[in-house]
Each structure stands twice: as C-alpha cells, then as structure tokens.
Amino acid sequence: MPNIYSYNYKSISLPLPVNTVLGKTLKSANEPNCVINNYLKSKKALAVYTDGSKSDGTKYTGVACQCHDLNINISIAIDKTASVYTAHCVAIFKALDIALENFSYNYVIFSDSLSLQATNLKTNILEIKRKYNAYTSHNPDRFIQFIWVPSHMGIIGNEKADELAKLGKPLQSLSITRVGIIDNAQYQCGNENQDLNHIL
C-alpha cells in the first residue's frame, strides 16, 4: 500500500461525508427498512452494506460487502491478528471498488461502525479517501455518502453483510496494513457516541 507521500493534499485533508443522523432516526423507527428505502429513492442511490467480524476461536477476521441492486456479495477473510476496525476499513475499500467499477450510480455506503471518518494519517484511511476522491473527481455529477446504521435492528442489508462477514473465506493474496486502535470502550463498534475524529 502506498506511503503518505504518494497521496495528494485533497486525499489527506478532506473529511469523508459521514451521516449519523439517519442512523439515530432508525433506532426509533418502527419500520427501519422502509425509512432506508425511502431515503435511497429520494437520493436516487444504490445501497452498499459493509461489515467486519472478529470472534474468539476463529482463524480469520471476516470482511463483507453487499450490494443487492448490482447482485454483488463479497465475503473474504483477512489475518486473525487484524482488528475489527481494520476489517471495517477493508469492507469500505471493497464498497468503493464497487463504485469505481460501476460509475453510473450514486451510492450510499452503510456501516454499523463509526470508523468511517478520521483526521489522522493512517494509510488505510488515506486509501479510503483516495478511492472516494477518485470516484468524485471522475464523476462530478454523482456522489458517495457514508451512513452509520445501528446494528441488530433488523435492517436487511446490514444483517446480510453481518452474515457474509462471519462466512469470510481466506484470501492469501490480500495484504492489509493493520489499523491500531486504543483499547477503550469509547470506540466500540455500533456506538453512535464514538468520537469520529479519533477512530482509526
């Protein structure tokens, strides 16, 4: 993966467009899937759900990415020493790859982790920003938005991504730089009160 000096200033400096407001609305919604579907229709966007999974006793950390409209279901595994936050980063890489390979659409990338925005210079975050900027630069009339959604709320796409992450198959050729996280309850996955500027 490239080092920091290979990234342009835009990739380093600009924050990712993360929306946590919709996720908070979903927590109190009677029909969260209807809320999401109406939101996607209003934005004329495709949904891409991402997830990462790490459990004691498993040999790998799982990564998943799912786009129902494009019939894409990605389920892979990275080294077991990788953190779940690294897994979420890799899942977002894959979601952005889907967008880069299918330029004709707007995208909303959903995650139940708030590891979507960071101001530090970790290589994985810079790579996410690079891919995001590559899409928006070549597609000025299209957009990608990142949305946090609460886990275990019966959101169909999120539940599917969770299943795929737990079924991840090893890819020996996948090289991942581990993202370090302070081991603190403040940074637990799925908590909307996480400090976005200090995750990853």
Foldseek 3Di string as FASTA:
>chain_A
DDAPVVFDPQLQADKAFEDAPLQVVLVPDPCSQVSVVVVCVVQVAWEKEWFWAADPPDQWIWIWIDTVVVRDTAIATDGNVADRLLSRLVNLVVVLVVCVVPLPGAYEYEYLFLQRTENDPPPSSSSSSVSQCVSCVVRVPYHYHYYHHAPPSPNPNNVSNVVRRVVHYYDPPDDTDHDDDDPDPLRDGNDPNRDSHRRD
